[in-house]
Amino acid sequence: MKNKLLVVGTMAYDAIETPFDKVDKILGGCATYIALAASQLDVEVGVISIIGDDFEEAHLEMLRKRNIDLSGVETIAGGKTFFWSGRYHNDLNTRTTLQTDLNVLMQFDPKVPTAWTKSEIVLLGNLNPLNQAAVLDQMTSRPKLVIMDTMNYWMDSFRSELDAVIPRVDVLCINDEEARQLTAQNSLVKAAKMIQQMGPKYVIIKKGEHGALLFHKEEVFCAPALPLEEIFDPTGAGDSFVGGFAAYLAQTGTISFEAMKSAIVYASAMASFTVEKFGPQNLETLTEEKIQQRLRAFDQLTKFEIDLA
């Protein structure tokens, strides 16, 4: 029987401008990227989100064809789907938000379908911490693993609500800037230790093109990012990363530091596919063969022998 991975997050439309090209409307939202990355593995994926009736049926059908359960997605009649517009600068590491229309997200009250209240793994995508807490409140048994993503906006505007959710999660996944802001520590090692004192047993700190760090007690693991000839659009790379990470653990059914080391490499592979095209286009057409080729490239990247004699 497959393990269940429950994802809560946004489904959206984005307008993206990079130094290379621009697109006025493309599928987006953290739950979309997470679910598409997770659907590459043999796990049951369910999404909790909210959309307007302007969300295209073709996009819903594409997600369903990837065996993503959308029974937890609420459609608001006459409502408009969450919209984000941004421009990436030349280094592709920094971006300017041009427009954010929350639309139906303003009335999001997540409802977990009965079939998903005993999910083995729950992934709280980048959302209002009140929404994240509401999902955990509806679980009828403690998940084997709760993974949480967040961002500096919630730290700035909803700090007390965020502080209430963090102790309820097992893995906190944030980037280096967010880790420093959350803890007021410049050292990422000290920041990770402080976050573990807040409750999460594991901390993942994403460093973009420089890979990711995994912390657990005194153990540290560093996974590289694959050097790519072309990075087209970084949107959703972090969401694809955490989606791949969660799905790998859901498929293996093993929750340990060793399992997470492998999961982070798989996660990095998912992120590397996402950045090669606009939006989630690459994730929509991924094949097992392409994934295996990419994982072999990661294996070669990190394999070496050193003679200390």
Protein backbone atom coordinates (compact mmCIF):
# COMPACT_ATOMS: atom_id res chain seq x y z
CA MET A 1 0.00 0.00 0.00
CA LYS A 2 1.37 3.42 -0.99
CA ASN A 3 2.17 5.99 1.67
CA LYS A 4 0.14 9.19 1.55
CA LEU A 5 1.72 12.61 1.14
CA LEU A 6 -0.66 15.47 1.94
CA VAL A 7 0.33 18.87 0.54
CA VAL A 8 -1.16 22.21 1.58
CA GLY A 9 -0.28 25.30 -0.42
CA THR A 10 -1.20 27.69 -3.18
CA MET A 11 -2.34 26.97 -6.70
CA ALA A 12 -1.83 30.08 -8.77
CA TYR A 13 -1.07 31.82 -12.01
CA ASP A 14 2.21 33.67 -12.44
CA ALA A 15 3.57 36.29 -14.79
CA ILE A 16 7.35 35.92 -14.95
CA GLU A 17 10.06 38.04 -16.52
CA THR A 18 13.68 36.90 -16.70
CA PRO A 19 16.68 38.40 -18.55
CA PHE A 20 15.96 35.86 -21.32
CA ASP A 21 12.21 35.98 -21.86
CA LYS A 22 8.84 36.69 -20.27
CA VAL A 23 5.49 34.97 -19.94
CA ASP A 24 2.24 36.72 -19.02
CA LYS A 25 0.34 33.77 -17.56
CA ILE A 26 1.67 30.40 -16.51
CA LEU A 27 0.64 27.78 -13.98
CA GLY A 28 2.22 28.37 -10.57
CA GLY A 29 1.73 28.13 -6.81
CA CYS A 30 3.78 26.19 -4.27
CA ALA A 31 1.31 23.27 -4.07
CA THR A 32 1.44 22.86 -7.86
CA TYR A 33 5.24 22.55 -7.95
CA ILE A 34 5.35 20.36 -4.83
CA ALA A 35 2.69 17.96 -6.14
CA LEU A 36 4.19 17.69 -9.62
CA ALA A 37 7.64 16.93 -8.20
CA ALA A 38 6.19 14.41 -5.75
CA SER A 39 4.12 12.69 -8.45
CA GLN A 40 7.30 11.42 -10.12
CA LEU A 41 7.51 8.77 -7.39
CA ASP A 42 5.22 5.93 -6.32
CA VAL A 43 3.29 7.75 -3.59
CA GLU A 44 -0.28 8.96 -3.17
CA VAL A 45 -0.31 12.76 -3.40
CA GLY A 46 -3.23 14.87 -2.20
CA VAL A 47 -3.50 18.66 -2.39
CA ILE A 48 -5.32 21.11 -0.10
CA SER A 49 -5.72 24.48 -1.81
CA ILE A 50 -8.18 27.08 -3.11
CA ILE A 51 -8.76 28.38 -6.65
CA GLY A 52 -11.17 30.62 -8.52
CA ASP A 53 -13.40 29.42 -11.34
CA ASP A 54 -10.91 31.04 -13.74
CA PHE A 55 -8.50 28.14 -13.06
CA GLU A 56 -8.30 26.25 -16.35
CA GLU A 57 -9.82 22.79 -16.51
CA ALA A 58 -6.88 21.67 -18.67
CA HIS A 59 -4.51 22.38 -15.77
CA LEU A 60 -6.69 20.44 -13.33
CA GLU A 61 -6.85 17.56 -15.78
CA MET A 62 -3.05 17.56 -16.19
CA LEU A 63 -2.65 17.26 -12.41
CA ARG A 64 -5.24 14.47 -12.20
CA LYS A 65 -3.48 12.56 -14.98
CA ARG A 66 -0.41 12.54 -12.75
CA ASN A 67 -2.57 10.82 -10.09
CA ILE A 68 -2.70 13.91 -7.89
CA ASP A 69 -5.83 13.89 -5.72
CA LEU A 70 -7.58 17.28 -5.88
CA SER A 71 -10.52 16.46 -3.59
CA GLY A 72 -9.14 18.97 -1.07
CA VAL A 73 -9.04 21.82 -3.61
CA GLU A 74 -11.91 24.27 -3.14
CA THR A 75 -13.23 26.24 -6.14
CA ILE A 76 -14.85 29.60 -5.41
CA ALA A 77 -17.58 30.46 -7.93
CA GLY A 78 -16.97 33.92 -9.37
CA GLY A 79 -13.60 34.07 -7.61
CA LYS A 80 -10.18 34.75 -9.10
CA THR A 81 -7.17 32.50 -8.53
CA PHE A 82 -4.13 33.78 -6.62
CA PHE A 83 -1.83 35.71 -9.00
CA TRP A 84 1.84 36.66 -8.66
CA SER A 85 4.04 38.65 -11.02
CA GLY A 86 7.79 39.04 -10.68
CA ARG A 87 10.96 40.06 -12.49
CA TYR A 88 14.27 38.24 -12.03
CA HIS A 89 17.51 40.18 -12.16
CA ASN A 90 20.59 39.19 -14.16
CA ASP A 91 22.03 36.82 -11.55
CA LEU A 92 18.64 35.03 -11.28
CA ASN A 93 19.15 34.86 -7.50
CA THR A 94 17.27 38.07 -6.79
CA ARG A 95 13.84 39.12 -7.96
CA THR A 96 11.41 41.99 -7.65
CA THR A 97 7.75 41.27 -6.98
CA LEU A 98 5.70 43.43 -9.35
CA GLN A 99 2.20 42.37 -8.33
CA THR A 100 0.52 40.09 -5.81
CA ASP A 101 -3.25 39.52 -6.01
CA LEU A 102 -4.31 37.23 -3.17
CA ASN A 103 -7.85 36.97 -4.56
CA VAL A 104 -9.53 33.76 -3.27
CA LEU A 105 -6.56 33.06 -1.00
CA MET A 106 -7.99 35.74 1.30
CA GLN A 107 -10.82 33.33 2.22
CA PHE A 108 -8.80 30.12 2.39
CA ASP A 109 -10.05 27.87 5.17
CA PRO A 110 -8.35 24.52 4.49
CA LYS A 111 -10.51 21.41 4.79
CA VAL A 112 -8.78 18.03 4.90
CA PRO A 113 -10.85 15.29 3.22
CA THR A 114 -11.55 12.32 5.54
CA ALA A 115 -9.46 10.00 3.34
CA TRP A 116 -6.39 12.14 4.01
CA THR A 117 -6.65 12.74 7.78
CA LYS A 118 -4.29 9.82 8.50
CA SER A 119 -1.61 10.74 5.95
CA GLU A 120 1.88 9.45 6.78
CA ILE A 121 3.60 12.65 5.65
CA VAL A 122 2.20 16.19 5.72
CA LEU A 123 3.96 18.95 3.81
CA LEU A 124 2.98 22.47 4.86
CA GLY A 125 3.84 24.62 1.85
CA ASN A 126 4.68 28.31 2.07
CA LEU A 127 1.42 29.73 3.45
CA ASN A 128 -0.06 31.72 6.29
CA PRO A 129 0.92 29.81 9.47
CA LEU A 130 -2.72 29.91 10.58
CA ASN A 131 -3.60 27.81 7.51
CA GLN A 132 -0.71 25.45 8.25
CA ALA A 133 -1.91 25.00 11.85
CA ALA A 134 -5.50 24.41 10.69
CA VAL A 135 -4.37 21.44 8.58
CA LEU A 136 -2.45 19.87 11.48
CA ASP A 137 -5.50 20.34 13.72
CA GLN A 138 -7.56 18.18 11.34
CA MET A 139 -5.19 15.19 11.28
CA THR A 140 -6.78 12.34 13.25
CA SER A 141 -3.44 10.64 13.91
CA ARG A 142 0.06 12.11 14.26
CA PRO A 143 1.79 11.93 10.85
CA LYS A 144 5.10 10.06 10.73
CA LEU A 145 6.63 13.30 9.45
CA VAL A 146 5.53 16.92 9.21
CA ILE A 147 7.59 19.13 6.89
CA MET A 148 7.17 22.90 6.81
CA ASP A 149 8.26 25.59 4.39
CA THR A 150 7.92 29.28 5.18
CA MET A 151 9.36 32.65 4.16
CA ASN A 152 10.46 36.02 5.51
CA TYR A 153 7.04 37.62 4.91
CA TRP A 154 5.47 35.38 7.58
CA MET A 155 8.39 36.11 9.91
CA ASP A 156 7.76 39.84 9.48
CA SER A 157 3.98 39.89 9.69
CA PHE A 158 2.85 36.70 11.51
CA ARG A 159 5.75 35.92 13.84
CA SER A 160 3.71 34.81 16.85
CA GLU A 161 1.53 32.54 14.65
CA LEU A 162 4.67 31.13 13.02
CA ASP A 163 6.29 30.53 16.41
CA ALA A 164 3.20 28.52 17.42
CA VAL A 165 3.44 26.17 14.40
CA ILE A 166 7.21 25.54 14.30
CA PRO A 167 7.25 23.30 17.44
CA ARG A 168 4.62 21.07 15.78
CA VAL A 169 6.83 20.14 12.79
CA ASP A 170 9.67 17.65 12.35
CA VAL A 171 11.49 19.28 9.43
CA LEU A 172 11.78 23.01 8.76
CA CYS A 173 12.90 23.84 5.23
CA ILE A 174 13.99 27.46 4.59
CA ASN A 175 16.68 29.34 2.71
CA ASP A 176 19.83 30.82 4.23
CA GLU A 177 18.49 34.38 4.40
CA GLU A 178 15.32 33.18 6.16
CA ALA A 179 17.31 31.03 8.62
CA ARG A 180 19.36 34.06 9.62
CA GLN A 181 16.26 36.23 9.99
CA LEU A 182 14.37 33.61 12.03
CA THR A 183 17.21 33.17 14.53
CA ALA A 184 19.16 36.47 14.34
CA GLN A 185 22.29 34.33 13.82
CA ASN A 186 24.81 34.90 11.02
CA SER A 187 26.28 31.42 11.28
CA LEU A 188 24.04 28.85 9.60
CA VAL A 189 25.35 26.14 11.97
CA LYS A 190 24.24 28.22 14.97
CA ALA A 191 20.96 29.07 13.23
CA ALA A 192 20.21 25.37 12.62
CA LYS A 193 20.93 24.53 16.27
CA MET A 194 18.62 27.31 17.43
CA ILE A 195 15.82 26.13 15.11
CA GLN A 196 16.15 22.58 16.50
CA GLN A 197 15.73 24.06 19.98
CA MET A 198 12.40 25.50 18.74
CA GLY A 199 11.12 21.97 18.05
CA PRO A 200 11.99 20.60 14.58
CA LYS A 201 14.35 17.60 14.75
CA TYR A 202 15.73 18.29 11.27
CA VAL A 203 16.57 21.55 9.53
CA ILE A 204 17.13 22.01 5.80
CA ILE A 205 18.74 25.26 4.71
CA LYS A 206 18.53 25.87 0.96
CA LYS A 207 21.34 27.86 -0.64
CA GLY A 208 20.06 28.14 -4.22
CA GLU A 209 22.76 27.45 -6.80
CA HIS A 210 25.08 26.41 -3.95
CA GLY A 211 22.98 23.43 -2.89
CA ALA A 212 21.42 22.63 0.49
CA LEU A 213 22.44 21.76 4.04
CA LEU A 214 20.74 19.17 6.27
CA PHE A 215 21.16 19.40 10.05
CA HIS A 216 20.19 16.92 12.78
CA LYS A 217 21.68 17.19 16.27
CA GLU A 218 25.46 17.28 15.65
CA GLU A 219 25.25 15.80 12.15
CA VAL A 220 25.49 17.87 8.97
CA PHE A 221 25.12 16.86 5.33
CA CYS A 222 25.76 19.07 2.33
CA ALA A 223 24.16 18.34 -1.05
CA PRO A 224 25.38 20.25 -4.10
CA ALA A 225 23.24 21.88 -6.75
CA LEU A 226 23.98 20.55 -10.21
CA PRO A 227 25.93 23.12 -12.27
CA LEU A 228 23.65 23.77 -15.25
CA GLU A 229 24.59 25.40 -18.53
CA GLU A 230 21.36 27.34 -18.60
CA ILE A 231 19.00 28.41 -15.83
CA PHE A 232 15.85 29.71 -17.45
CA ASP A 233 13.45 30.41 -14.58
CA PRO A 234 14.09 29.75 -10.85
CA THR A 235 10.40 30.06 -9.91
CA GLY A 236 9.24 27.01 -7.97
CA ALA A 237 12.70 25.47 -7.60
CA GLY A 238 12.47 25.48 -3.79
CA ASP A 239 8.96 24.01 -3.90
CA SER A 240 10.05 21.28 -6.32
CA PHE A 241 12.97 20.58 -3.99
CA VAL A 242 10.82 20.05 -0.91
CA GLY A 243 8.24 18.09 -2.95
CA GLY A 244 10.93 15.69 -4.17
CA PHE A 245 12.34 15.42 -0.64
CA ALA A 246 8.98 14.54 0.92
CA ALA A 247 8.01 12.08 -1.82
CA TYR A 248 11.31 10.22 -1.58
CA LEU A 249 10.78 9.68 2.15
CA ALA A 250 7.14 8.72 1.57
CA GLN A 251 8.15 6.11 -1.01
CA THR A 252 10.92 4.56 1.09
CA GLY A 253 8.86 4.78 4.30
CA THR A 254 12.07 5.39 6.26
CA ILE A 255 12.50 8.47 8.42
CA SER A 256 16.15 8.88 9.41
CA PHE A 257 19.12 11.17 8.83
CA GLU A 258 20.60 8.62 6.38
CA ALA A 259 17.35 8.42 4.39
CA MET A 260 17.15 12.21 4.33
CA LYS A 261 20.65 12.46 2.84
CA SER A 262 19.45 10.49 -0.18
CA ALA A 263 16.16 12.42 -0.20
CA ILE A 264 18.02 15.74 -0.41
CA VAL A 265 19.98 14.58 -3.46
CA TYR A 266 16.72 13.50 -5.12
CA ALA A 267 15.22 16.86 -4.12
CA SER A 268 18.12 18.71 -5.74
CA ALA A 269 17.55 16.75 -8.95
CA MET A 270 13.89 17.83 -9.01
CA ALA A 271 14.86 21.47 -8.50
CA SER A 272 17.42 21.25 -11.31
CA PHE A 273 14.70 20.18 -13.77
CA THR A 274 12.37 23.00 -12.74
CA VAL A 275 14.80 25.83 -13.50
CA GLU A 276 15.43 24.67 -17.07
CA LYS A 277 12.05 25.90 -18.38
CA PHE A 278 9.42 28.49 -17.53
CA GLY A 279 7.10 27.51 -14.69
CA PRO A 280 6.48 23.80 -14.06
CA GLN A 281 6.67 22.83 -17.75
CA ASN A 282 9.63 20.48 -17.27
CA LEU A 283 7.96 18.67 -14.37
CA GLU A 284 4.87 18.05 -16.49
CA THR A 285 6.83 16.01 -19.04
CA LEU A 286 9.53 14.32 -16.94
CA THR A 287 10.33 10.68 -17.60
CA GLU A 288 11.89 8.09 -15.31
CA GLU A 289 14.82 7.82 -17.72
CA LYS A 290 15.58 11.57 -17.45
CA ILE A 291 15.40 11.41 -13.66
CA GLN A 292 17.81 8.47 -13.51
CA GLN A 293 20.25 10.26 -15.84
CA ARG A 294 20.14 13.33 -13.63
CA LEU A 295 20.67 11.28 -10.46
CA ARG A 296 23.72 9.64 -12.07
CA ALA A 297 25.07 13.13 -12.80
CA PHE A 298 24.67 14.01 -9.11
CA ASP A 299 26.40 10.76 -8.16
CA GLN A 300 29.40 11.64 -10.36
CA LEU A 301 29.45 15.17 -8.97
CA THR A 302 29.96 14.02 -5.40
CA LYS A 303 31.92 10.78 -5.80
CA PHE A 304 35.62 10.92 -4.99
CA GLU A 305 38.32 9.02 -3.18
CA ILE A 306 40.96 10.58 -0.99
CA ASP A 307 44.14 8.86 0.19
CA LEU A 308 45.00 10.01 3.69
CA ALA A 309 47.92 7.60 4.09
